[in-house]
Amino acid sequence: MTVLPSEYEAFGLVLLESLAAGTPVVASRVGGIPEVVEDGKAGLLVPPKSPTALAEAIGRLWVDRDLARRLGKYGRDHVVPRFQWDALAGRLDALYREVTGR
């Protein structure tokens, strides 16, 4: 399990790296983290500055190993492919074409 209790996080690359390894994550619902971690699918998101919610989420994954495995597998199978270079390049190209009208 990877835990990232940030108050601000632009993207959360460490979370994507964890998901690529099939590791479930617990992270704060701030910045770009919800773009990487689908709450309840690839990990658990908690409010920032909430140690109680953070501890509960960590405890939940610690006790429920099946849930932890499902979250890690979902992250590896469904989240990581969205952020591979070829997928990102294709989306960026489409965005540039839309903006420029080409």
PDB file of N, CA and C in Angstrom:
ATOM      1  N   MET A   1       0.857  -1.176   0.000  1.00  0.00           N
ATOM      2  CA  MET A   1       0.000   0.000   0.000  1.00  0.00           C
ATOM      3  C   MET A   1       0.902   1.237   0.000  1.00  0.00           C
ATOM      4  N   THR A   2       0.488   2.212  -0.814  1.00  0.00           N
ATOM      5  CA  THR A   2       1.175   3.498  -0.835  1.00  0.00           C
ATOM      6  C   THR A   2       0.232   4.544  -0.257  1.00  0.00           C
ATOM      7  N   VAL A   3       0.757   5.384   0.620  1.00  0.00           N
ATOM      8  CA  VAL A   3      -0.050   6.418   1.265  1.00  0.00           C
ATOM      9  C   VAL A   3       0.555   7.780   0.931  1.00  0.00           C
ATOM     10  N   LEU A   4      -0.296   8.688   0.392  1.00  0.00           N
ATOM     11  CA  LEU A   4       0.163  10.019   0.038  1.00  0.00           C
ATOM     12  C   LEU A   4      -0.816  11.047   0.600  1.00  0.00           C
ATOM     13  N   PRO A   5      -0.596  11.488   1.858  1.00  0.00           N
ATOM     14  CA  PRO A   5      -1.512  12.440   2.501  1.00  0.00           C
ATOM     15  C   PRO A   5      -1.154  13.892   2.210  1.00  0.00           C
ATOM     16  N   SER A   6      -1.168  14.261   0.940  1.00  0.00           N
ATOM     17  CA  SER A   6      -0.761  15.608   0.528  1.00  0.00           C
ATOM     18  C   SER A   6      -1.836  16.646   0.819  1.00  0.00           C
ATOM     19  N   GLU A   7      -1.377  17.865   1.034  1.00  0.00           N
ATOM     20  CA  GLU A   7      -2.296  19.004   1.091  1.00  0.00           C
ATOM     21  C   GLU A   7      -2.456  19.593  -0.298  1.00  0.00           C
ATOM     22  N   TYR A   8      -1.450  19.401  -1.151  1.00  0.00           N
ATOM     23  CA  TYR A   8      -1.519  19.812  -2.549  1.00  0.00           C
ATOM     24  C   TYR A   8      -0.647  18.865  -3.353  1.00  0.00           C
ATOM     25  N   GLU A   9      -1.125  18.471  -4.488  1.00  0.00           N
ATOM     26  CA  GLU A   9      -0.365  17.590  -5.360  1.00  0.00           C
ATOM     27  C   GLU A   9      -0.822  17.855  -6.787  1.00  0.00           C
ATOM     28  N   ALA A  10       0.079  18.320  -7.634  1.00  0.00           N
ATOM     29  CA  ALA A  10      -0.303  18.661  -9.003  1.00  0.00           C
ATOM     30  C   ALA A  10      -0.730  17.431  -9.790  1.00  0.00           C
ATOM     31  N   PHE A  11      -0.023  16.306  -9.617  1.00  0.00           N
ATOM     32  CA  PHE A  11      -0.341  15.120 -10.400  1.00  0.00           C
ATOM     33  C   PHE A  11      -0.310  13.844  -9.582  1.00  0.00           C
ATOM     34  N   GLY A  12       0.715  13.601  -8.816  1.00  0.00           N
ATOM     35  CA  GLY A  12       0.814  12.384  -8.021  1.00  0.00           C
ATOM     36  C   GLY A  12       1.462  11.245  -8.785  1.00  0.00           C
ATOM     37  N   LEU A  13       2.609  11.521  -9.409  1.00  0.00           N
ATOM     38  CA  LEU A  13       3.315  10.501 -10.187  1.00  0.00           C
ATOM     39  C   LEU A  13       3.634   9.265  -9.352  1.00  0.00           C
ATOM     40  N   VAL A  14       3.969   9.454  -8.090  1.00  0.00           N
ATOM     41  CA  VAL A  14       4.286   8.309  -7.236  1.00  0.00           C
ATOM     42  C   VAL A  14       3.085   7.363  -7.132  1.00  0.00           C
ATOM     43  N   LEU A  15       1.874   7.912  -7.199  1.00  0.00           N
ATOM     44  CA  LEU A  15       0.678   7.067  -7.154  1.00  0.00           C
ATOM     45  C   LEU A  15       0.548   6.245  -8.432  1.00  0.00           C
ATOM     46  N   LEU A  16       0.824   6.857  -9.557  1.00  0.00           N
ATOM     47  CA  LEU A  16       0.777   6.134 -10.826  1.00  0.00           C
ATOM     48  C   LEU A  16       1.834   5.028 -10.843  1.00  0.00           C
ATOM     49  N   GLU A  17       3.009   5.316 -10.308  1.00  0.00           N
ATOM     50  CA  GLU A  17       4.052   4.298 -10.220  1.00  0.00           C
ATOM     51  C   GLU A  17       3.612   3.147  -9.324  1.00  0.00           C
ATOM     52  N   SER A  18       2.953   3.451  -8.230  1.00  0.00           N
ATOM     53  CA  SER A  18       2.457   2.409  -7.335  1.00  0.00           C
ATOM     54  C   SER A  18       1.399   1.557  -8.027  1.00  0.00           C
ATOM     55  N   LEU A  19       0.477   2.218  -8.719  1.00  0.00           N
ATOM     56  CA  LEU A  19      -0.571   1.484  -9.431  1.00  0.00           C
ATOM     57  C   LEU A  19       0.028   0.595 -10.519  1.00  0.00           C
ATOM     58  N   ALA A  20       1.084   1.063 -11.173  1.00  0.00           N
ATOM     59  CA  ALA A  20       1.752   0.254 -12.194  1.00  0.00           C
ATOM     60  C   ALA A  20       2.308  -1.033 -11.598  1.00  0.00           C
ATOM     61  N   ALA A  21       2.653  -0.988 -10.321  1.00  0.00           N
ATOM     62  CA  ALA A  21       3.161  -2.173  -9.622  1.00  0.00           C
ATOM     63  C   ALA A  21       2.032  -2.999  -9.013  1.00  0.00           C
ATOM     64  N   GLY A  22       0.782  -2.565  -9.224  1.00  0.00           N
ATOM     65  CA  GLY A  22      -0.352  -3.295  -8.664  1.00  0.00           C
ATOM     66  C   GLY A  22      -0.573  -3.025  -7.194  1.00  0.00           C
ATOM     67  N   THR A  23      -0.063  -1.905  -6.714  1.00  0.00           N
ATOM     68  CA  THR A  23      -0.168  -1.543  -5.302  1.00  0.00           C
ATOM     69  C   THR A  23      -1.334  -0.588  -5.093  1.00  0.00           C
ATOM     70  N   PRO A  24      -2.252  -0.897  -4.174  1.00  0.00           N
ATOM     71  CA  PRO A  24      -3.347   0.035  -3.918  1.00  0.00           C
ATOM     72  C   PRO A  24      -2.833   1.281  -3.212  1.00  0.00           C
ATOM     73  N   VAL A  25      -3.579   2.369  -3.340  1.00  0.00           N
ATOM     74  CA  VAL A  25      -3.135   3.621  -2.741  1.00  0.00           C
ATOM     75  C   VAL A  25      -4.217   4.233  -1.866  1.00  0.00           C
ATOM     76  N   VAL A  26      -3.749   5.002  -0.907  1.00  0.00           N
ATOM     77  CA  VAL A  26      -4.602   5.862  -0.084  1.00  0.00           C
ATOM     78  C   VAL A  26      -4.003   7.242  -0.249  1.00  0.00           C
ATOM     79  N   ALA A  27      -4.833   8.203  -0.645  1.00  0.00           N
ATOM     80  CA  ALA A  27      -4.307   9.537  -0.911  1.00  0.00           C
ATOM     81  C   ALA A  27      -5.351  10.596  -0.597  1.00  0.00           C
ATOM     82  N   SER A  28      -4.875  11.815  -0.453  1.00  0.00           N
ATOM     83  CA  SER A  28      -5.767  12.951  -0.231  1.00  0.00           C
ATOM     84  C   SER A  28      -6.473  13.323  -1.536  1.00  0.00           C
ATOM     85  N   ARG A  29      -7.701  13.749  -1.411  1.00  0.00           N
ATOM     86  CA  ARG A  29      -8.480  14.195  -2.570  1.00  0.00           C
ATOM     87  C   ARG A  29      -8.133  15.666  -2.837  1.00  0.00           C
ATOM     88  N   VAL A  30      -6.958  15.876  -3.446  1.00  0.00           N
ATOM     89  CA  VAL A  30      -6.490  17.232  -3.754  1.00  0.00           C
ATOM     90  C   VAL A  30      -5.839  17.252  -5.129  1.00  0.00           C
ATOM     91  N   GLY A  31      -5.775  18.442  -5.719  1.00  0.00           N
ATOM     92  CA  GLY A  31      -5.058  18.644  -6.966  1.00  0.00           C
ATOM     93  C   GLY A  31      -5.422  17.635  -8.038  1.00  0.00           C
ATOM     94  N   GLY A  32      -4.396  17.056  -8.655  1.00  0.00           N
ATOM     95  CA  GLY A  32      -4.601  16.106  -9.740  1.00  0.00           C
ATOM     96  C   GLY A  32      -4.764  14.671  -9.301  1.00  0.00           C
ATOM     97  N   ILE A  33      -4.716  14.407  -8.003  1.00  0.00           N
ATOM     98  CA  ILE A  33      -4.808  13.026  -7.526  1.00  0.00           C
ATOM     99  C   ILE A  33      -6.082  12.331  -7.981  1.00  0.00           C
ATOM    100  N   PRO A  34      -7.261  12.961  -7.916  1.00  0.00           N
ATOM    101  CA  PRO A  34      -8.459  12.262  -8.395  1.00  0.00           C
ATOM    102  C   PRO A  34      -8.430  11.934  -9.892  1.00  0.00           C
ATOM    103  N   GLU A  35      -7.549  12.589 -10.655  1.00  0.00           N
ATOM    104  CA  GLU A  35      -7.388  12.243 -12.066  1.00  0.00           C
ATOM    105  C   GLU A  35      -6.664  10.910 -12.221  1.00  0.00           C
ATOM    106  N   VAL A  36      -5.826  10.568 -11.248  1.00  0.00           N
ATOM    107  CA  VAL A  36      -5.042   9.342 -11.289  1.00  0.00           C
ATOM    108  C   VAL A  36      -5.735   8.220 -10.528  1.00  0.00           C
ATOM    109  N   VAL A  37      -6.271   8.535  -9.372  1.00  0.00           N
ATOM    110  CA  VAL A  37      -6.861   7.524  -8.492  1.00  0.00           C
ATOM    111  C   VAL A  37      -8.379   7.646  -8.494  1.00  0.00           C
ATOM    112  N   GLU A  38      -9.029   6.644  -9.047  1.00  0.00           N
ATOM    113  CA  GLU A  38     -10.486   6.596  -8.995  1.00  0.00           C
ATOM    114  C   GLU A  38     -10.878   6.036  -7.632  1.00  0.00           C
ATOM    115  N   ASP A  39     -11.529   6.857  -6.835  1.00  0.00           N
ATOM    116  CA  ASP A  39     -11.873   6.477  -5.463  1.00  0.00           C
ATOM    117  C   ASP A  39     -12.721   5.211  -5.448  1.00  0.00           C
ATOM    118  N   GLY A  40     -12.267   4.236  -4.690  1.00  0.00           N
ATOM    119  CA  GLY A  40     -12.982   2.983  -4.568  1.00  0.00           C
ATOM    120  C   GLY A  40     -12.722   2.003  -5.690  1.00  0.00           C
ATOM    121  N   LYS A  41     -11.962   2.431  -6.700  1.00  0.00           N
ATOM    122  CA  LYS A  41     -11.628   1.538  -7.815  1.00  0.00           C
ATOM    123  C   LYS A  41     -10.135   1.227  -7.859  1.00  0.00           C
ATOM    124  N   ALA A  42      -9.294   2.250  -7.760  1.00  0.00           N
ATOM    125  CA  ALA A  42      -7.845   2.047  -7.791  1.00  0.00           C
ATOM    126  C   ALA A  42      -7.214   2.349  -6.440  1.00  0.00           C
ATOM    127  N   GLY A  43      -7.984   2.920  -5.550  1.00  0.00           N
ATOM    128  CA  GLY A  43      -7.480   3.284  -4.233  1.00  0.00           C
ATOM    129  C   GLY A  43      -8.572   3.978  -3.454  1.00  0.00           C
ATOM    130  N   LEU A  44      -8.197   4.522  -2.331  1.00  0.00           N
ATOM    131  CA  LEU A  44      -9.143   5.229  -1.476  1.00  0.00           C
ATOM    132  C   LEU A  44      -8.682   6.675  -1.320  1.00  0.00           C
ATOM    133  N   LEU A  45      -9.598   7.601  -1.567  1.00  0.00           N
ATOM    134  CA  LEU A  45      -9.298   9.018  -1.405  1.00  0.00           C
ATOM    135  C   LEU A  45      -9.941   9.536  -0.125  1.00  0.00           C
ATOM    136  N   VAL A  46      -9.209  10.395   0.559  1.00  0.00           N
ATOM    137  CA  VAL A  46      -9.690  10.957   1.817  1.00  0.00           C
ATOM    138  C   VAL A  46      -9.568  12.477   1.762  1.00  0.00           C
ATOM    139  N   PRO A  47     -10.333  13.174   2.580  1.00  0.00           N
ATOM    140  CA  PRO A  47     -10.203  14.636   2.621  1.00  0.00           C
ATOM    141  C   PRO A  47      -8.809  15.029   3.127  1.00  0.00           C
ATOM    142  N   PRO A  48      -8.264  16.128   2.600  1.00  0.00           N
ATOM    143  CA  PRO A  48      -6.965  16.577   3.104  1.00  0.00           C
ATOM    144  C   PRO A  48      -7.079  17.025   4.562  1.00  0.00           C
ATOM    145  N   LYS A  49      -5.975  16.931   5.265  1.00  0.00           N
ATOM    146  CA  LYS A  49      -5.895  17.358   6.668  1.00  0.00           C
ATOM    147  C   LYS A  49      -6.887  16.623   7.557  1.00  0.00           C
ATOM    148  N   SER A  50      -7.149  15.356   7.240  1.00  0.00           N
ATOM    149  CA  SER A  50      -8.070  14.553   8.041  1.00  0.00           C
ATOM    150  C   SER A  50      -7.380  13.268   8.488  1.00  0.00           C
ATOM    151  N   PRO A  51      -6.635  13.344   9.596  1.00  0.00           N
ATOM    152  CA  PRO A  51      -5.913  12.154  10.055  1.00  0.00           C
ATOM    153  C   PRO A  51      -6.837  10.992  10.384  1.00  0.00           C
ATOM    154  N   THR A  52      -8.037  11.278  10.848  1.00  0.00           N
ATOM    155  CA  THR A  52      -8.978  10.200  11.177  1.00  0.00           C
ATOM    156  C   THR A  52      -9.386   9.449   9.922  1.00  0.00           C
ATOM    157  N   ALA A  53      -9.763  10.185   8.865  1.00  0.00           N
ATOM    158  CA  ALA A  53     -10.151   9.542   7.602  1.00  0.00           C
ATOM    159  C   ALA A  53      -8.974   8.782   7.002  1.00  0.00           C
ATOM    160  N   LEU A  54      -7.784   9.356   7.097  1.00  0.00           N
ATOM    161  CA  LEU A  54      -6.586   8.703   6.584  1.00  0.00           C
ATOM    162  C   LEU A  54      -6.340   7.385   7.315  1.00  0.00           C
ATOM    163  N   ALA A  55      -6.408   7.413   8.631  1.00  0.00           N
ATOM    164  CA  ALA A  55      -6.189   6.204   9.428  1.00  0.00           C
ATOM    165  C   ALA A  55      -7.247   5.144   9.130  1.00  0.00           C
ATOM    166  N   GLU A  56      -8.495   5.563   8.958  1.00  0.00           N
ATOM    167  CA  GLU A  56      -9.563   4.607   8.640  1.00  0.00           C
ATOM    168  C   GLU A  56      -9.333   3.938   7.290  1.00  0.00           C
ATOM    169  N   ALA A  57      -8.908   4.716   6.285  1.00  0.00           N
ATOM    170  CA  ALA A  57      -8.665   4.152   4.961  1.00  0.00           C
ATOM    171  C   ALA A  57      -7.484   3.181   4.987  1.00  0.00           C
ATOM    172  N   ILE A  58      -6.422   3.555   5.682  1.00  0.00           N
ATOM    173  CA  ILE A  58      -5.263   2.664   5.808  1.00  0.00           C
ATOM    174  C   ILE A  58      -5.688   1.380   6.508  1.00  0.00           C
ATOM    175  N   GLY A  59      -6.421   1.517   7.605  1.00  0.00           N
ATOM    176  CA  GLY A  59      -6.884   0.348   8.344  1.00  0.00           C
ATOM    177  C   GLY A  59      -7.780  -0.549   7.504  1.00  0.00           C
ATOM    178  N   ARG A  60      -8.626   0.069   6.699  1.00  0.00           N
ATOM    179  CA  ARG A  60      -9.536  -0.706   5.838  1.00  0.00           C
ATOM    180  C   ARG A  60      -8.748  -1.592   4.871  1.00  0.00           C
ATOM    181  N   LEU A  61      -7.724  -1.028   4.227  1.00  0.00           N
ATOM    182  CA  LEU A  61      -6.932  -1.833   3.299  1.00  0.00           C
ATOM    183  C   LEU A  61      -6.042  -2.835   4.022  1.00  0.00           C
ATOM    184  N   TRP A  62      -5.598  -2.486   5.209  1.00  0.00           N
ATOM    185  CA  TRP A  62      -4.752  -3.404   5.982  1.00  0.00           C
ATOM    186  C   TRP A  62      -5.539  -4.652   6.366  1.00  0.00           C
ATOM    187  N   VAL A  63      -6.797  -4.459   6.740  1.00  0.00           N
ATOM    188  CA  VAL A  63      -7.629  -5.579   7.197  1.00  0.00           C
ATOM    189  C   VAL A  63      -8.232  -6.345   6.019  1.00  0.00           C
ATOM    190  N   ASP A  64      -8.690  -5.626   5.008  1.00  0.00           N
ATOM    191  CA  ASP A  64      -9.378  -6.258   3.880  1.00  0.00           C
ATOM    192  C   ASP A  64      -8.395  -6.466   2.730  1.00  0.00           C
ATOM    193  N   ARG A  65      -7.655  -7.556   2.794  1.00  0.00           N
ATOM    194  CA  ARG A  65      -6.621  -7.840   1.792  1.00  0.00           C
ATOM    195  C   ARG A  65      -7.226  -8.082   0.403  1.00  0.00           C
ATOM    196  N   ASP A  66      -8.446  -8.636   0.356  1.00  0.00           N
ATOM    197  CA  ASP A  66      -9.099  -8.826  -0.941  1.00  0.00           C
ATOM    198  C   ASP A  66      -9.377  -7.479  -1.603  1.00  0.00           C
ATOM    199  N   LEU A  67      -9.861  -6.521  -0.830  1.00  0.00           N
ATOM    200  CA  LEU A  67     -10.094  -5.181  -1.363  1.00  0.00           C
ATOM    201  C   LEU A  67      -8.785  -4.577  -1.844  1.00  0.00           C
ATOM    202  N   ALA A  68      -7.747  -4.700  -1.069  1.00  0.00           N
ATOM    203  CA  ALA A  68      -6.444  -4.156  -1.457  1.00  0.00           C
ATOM    204  C   ALA A  68      -5.986  -4.767  -2.778  1.00  0.00           C
ATOM    205  N   ARG A  69      -6.137  -6.068  -2.951  1.00  0.00           N
ATOM    206  CA  ARG A  69      -5.739  -6.718  -4.203  1.00  0.00           C
ATOM    207  C   ARG A  69      -6.583  -6.238  -5.379  1.00  0.00           C
ATOM    208  N   ARG A  70      -7.895  -6.101  -5.162  1.00  0.00           N
ATOM    209  CA  ARG A  70      -8.779  -5.630  -6.238  1.00  0.00           C
ATOM    210  C   ARG A  70      -8.425  -4.214  -6.670  1.00  0.00           C
ATOM    211  N   LEU A  71      -8.168  -3.344  -5.702  1.00  0.00           N
ATOM    212  CA  LEU A  71      -7.805  -1.964  -6.025  1.00  0.00           C
ATOM    213  C   LEU A  71      -6.490  -1.910  -6.802  1.00  0.00           C
ATOM    214  N   GLY A  72      -5.502  -2.671  -6.349  1.00  0.00           N
ATOM    215  CA  GLY A  72      -4.216  -2.704  -7.037  1.00  0.00           C
ATOM    216  C   GLY A  72      -4.331  -3.250  -8.454  1.00  0.00           C
ATOM    217  N   LYS A  73      -5.114  -4.301  -8.619  1.00  0.00           N
ATOM    218  CA  LYS A  73      -5.308  -4.893  -9.949  1.00  0.00           C
ATOM    219  C   LYS A  73      -6.033  -3.926 -10.869  1.00  0.00           C
ATOM    220  N   TYR A  74      -7.056  -3.257 -10.365  1.00  0.00           N
ATOM    221  CA  TYR A  74      -7.784  -2.287 -11.178  1.00  0.00           C
ATOM    222  C   TYR A  74      -6.852  -1.165 -11.621  1.00  0.00           C
ATOM    223  N   GLY A  75      -6.048  -0.680 -10.706  1.00  0.00           N
ATOM    224  CA  GLY A  75      -5.109   0.387 -11.045  1.00  0.00           C
ATOM    225  C   GLY A  75      -4.151  -0.030 -12.138  1.00  0.00           C
ATOM    226  N   ARG A  76      -3.589  -1.218 -12.010  1.00  0.00           N
ATOM    227  CA  ARG A  76      -2.636  -1.713 -13.004  1.00  0.00           C
ATOM    228  C   ARG A  76      -3.316  -1.940 -14.356  1.00  0.00           C
ATOM    229  N   ASP A  77      -4.515  -2.513 -14.343  1.00  0.00           N
ATOM    230  CA  ASP A  77      -5.197  -2.895 -15.585  1.00  0.00           C
ATOM    231  C   ASP A  77      -5.925  -1.746 -16.277  1.00  0.00           C
ATOM    232  N   HIS A  78      -6.442  -0.779 -15.508  1.00  0.00           N
ATOM    233  CA  HIS A  78      -7.310   0.243 -16.095  1.00  0.00           C
ATOM    234  C   HIS A  78      -6.762   1.668 -16.019  1.00  0.00           C
ATOM    235  N   VAL A  79      -6.027   1.985 -14.969  1.00  0.00           N
ATOM    236  CA  VAL A  79      -5.537   3.351 -14.809  1.00  0.00           C
ATOM    237  C   VAL A  79      -4.226   3.543 -15.561  1.00  0.00           C
ATOM    238  N   VAL A  80      -3.285   2.672 -15.350  1.00  0.00           N
ATOM    239  CA  VAL A  80      -1.953   2.823 -15.929  1.00  0.00           C
ATOM    240  C   VAL A  80      -1.989   2.937 -17.459  1.00  0.00           C
ATOM    241  N   PRO A  81      -2.767   2.116 -18.163  1.00  0.00           N
ATOM    242  CA  PRO A  81      -2.782   2.261 -19.628  1.00  0.00           C
ATOM    243  C   PRO A  81      -3.191   3.653 -20.112  1.00  0.00           C
ATOM    244  N   ARG A  82      -4.005   4.360 -19.356  1.00  0.00           N
ATOM    245  CA  ARG A  82      -4.414   5.719 -19.749  1.00  0.00           C
ATOM    246  C   ARG A  82      -3.249   6.696 -19.733  1.00  0.00           C
ATOM    247  N   PHE A  83      -2.189   6.384 -19.000  1.00  0.00           N
ATOM    248  CA  PHE A  83      -1.068   7.308 -18.838  1.00  0.00           C
ATOM    249  C   PHE A  83       0.204   6.839 -19.532  1.00  0.00           C
ATOM    250  N   GLN A  84       0.125   5.820 -20.375  1.00  0.00           N
ATOM    251  CA  GLN A  84       1.295   5.411 -21.137  1.00  0.00           C
ATOM    252  C   GLN A  84       1.571   6.455 -22.215  1.00  0.00           C
ATOM    253  N   TRP A  85       2.830   6.573 -22.615  1.00  0.00           N
ATOM    254  CA  TRP A  85       3.232   7.658 -23.503  1.00  0.00           C
ATOM    255  C   TRP A  85       2.434   7.687 -24.803  1.00  0.00           C
ATOM    256  N   ASP A  86       2.181   6.535 -25.413  1.00  0.00           N
ATOM    257  CA  ASP A  86       1.452   6.563 -26.682  1.00  0.00           C
ATOM    258  C   ASP A  86       0.020   7.063 -26.494  1.00  0.00           C
ATOM    259  N   ALA A  87      -0.605   6.691 -25.395  1.00  0.00           N
ATOM    260  CA  ALA A  87      -1.966   7.171 -25.114  1.00  0.00           C
ATOM    261  C   ALA A  87      -1.959   8.673 -24.839  1.00  0.00           C
ATOM    262  N   LEU A  88      -1.005   9.133 -24.044  1.00  0.00           N
ATOM    263  CA  LEU A  88      -0.908  10.559 -23.750  1.00  0.00           C
ATOM    264  C   LEU A  88      -0.620  11.369 -25.008  1.00  0.00           C
ATOM    265  N   ALA A  89       0.289  10.874 -25.836  1.00  0.00           N
ATOM    266  CA  ALA A  89       0.631  11.587 -27.064  1.00  0.00           C
ATOM    267  C   ALA A  89      -0.581  11.693 -27.983  1.00  0.00           C
ATOM    268  N   GLY A  90      -1.359  10.629 -28.088  1.00  0.00           N
ATOM    269  CA  GLY A  90      -2.558  10.659 -28.918  1.00  0.00           C
ATOM    270  C   GLY A  90      -3.580  11.672 -28.422  1.00  0.00           C
ATOM    271  N   ARG A  91      -3.772  11.728 -27.112  1.00  0.00           N
ATOM    272  CA  ARG A  91      -4.730  12.697 -26.557  1.00  0.00           C
ATOM    273  C   ARG A  91      -4.229  14.125 -26.714  1.00  0.00           C
ATOM    274  N   LEU A  92      -2.929  14.323 -26.545  1.00  0.00           N
ATOM    275  CA  LEU A  92      -2.356  15.658 -26.712  1.00  0.00           C
ATOM    276  C   LEU A  92      -2.465  16.103 -28.172  1.00  0.00           C
ATOM    277  N   ASP A  93      -2.193  15.203 -29.092  1.00  0.00           N
ATOM    278  CA  ASP A  93      -2.326  15.518 -30.516  1.00  0.00           C
ATOM    279  C   ASP A  93      -3.773  15.900 -30.842  1.00  0.00           C
ATOM    280  N   ALA A  94      -4.721  15.148 -30.335  1.00  0.00           N
ATOM    281  CA  ALA A  94      -6.146  15.452 -30.582  1.00  0.00           C
ATOM    282  C   ALA A  94      -6.516  16.823 -30.010  1.00  0.00           C
ATOM    283  N   LEU A  95      -5.990  17.142 -28.849  1.00  0.00           N
ATOM    284  CA  LEU A  95      -6.264  18.436 -28.243  1.00  0.00           C
ATOM    285  C   LEU A  95      -5.686  19.574 -29.093  1.00  0.00           C
ATOM    286  N   TYR A  96      -4.439  19.422 -29.531  1.00  0.00           N
ATOM    287  CA  TYR A  96      -3.832  20.441 -30.396  1.00  0.00           C
ATOM    288  C   TYR A  96      -4.620  20.619 -31.689  1.00  0.00           C
ATOM    289  N   ARG A  97      -5.067  19.526 -32.274  1.00  0.00           N
ATOM    290  CA  ARG A  97      -5.848  19.618 -33.507  1.00  0.00           C
ATOM    291  C   ARG A  97      -7.180  20.337 -33.260  1.00  0.00           C
ATOM    292  N   GLU A  98      -7.779  20.052 -32.123  1.00  0.00           N
ATOM    293  CA  GLU A  98      -9.052  20.713 -31.790  1.00  0.00           C
ATOM    294  C   GLU A  98      -8.853  22.214 -31.596  1.00  0.00           C
ATOM    295  N   VAL A  99      -7.800  22.574 -30.883  1.00  0.00           N
ATOM    296  CA  VAL A  99      -7.542  23.989 -30.583  1.00  0.00           C
ATOM    297  C   VAL A  99      -7.156  24.760 -31.846  1.00  0.00           C
ATOM    298  N   THR A 100      -6.359  24.143 -32.703  1.00  0.00           N
ATOM    299  CA  THR A 100      -5.880  24.831 -33.906  1.00  0.00           C
ATOM    300  C   THR A 100      -6.834  24.693 -35.093  1.00  0.00           C
ATOM    301  N   GLY A 101      -7.822  23.802 -34.976  1.00  0.00           N
ATOM    302  CA  GLY A 101      -8.769  23.589 -36.061  1.00  0.00           C
ATOM    303  C   GLY A 101      -8.186  22.826 -37.224  1.00  0.00           C
ATOM    304  N   ARG A 102      -7.162  22.052 -37.011  1.00  0.00           N
ATOM    305  CA  ARG A 102      -6.521  21.276 -38.088  1.00  0.00           C
ATOM    306  C   ARG A 102      -6.889  19.839 -38.024  1.00  0.00           C
TER     307      ARG A 102
END
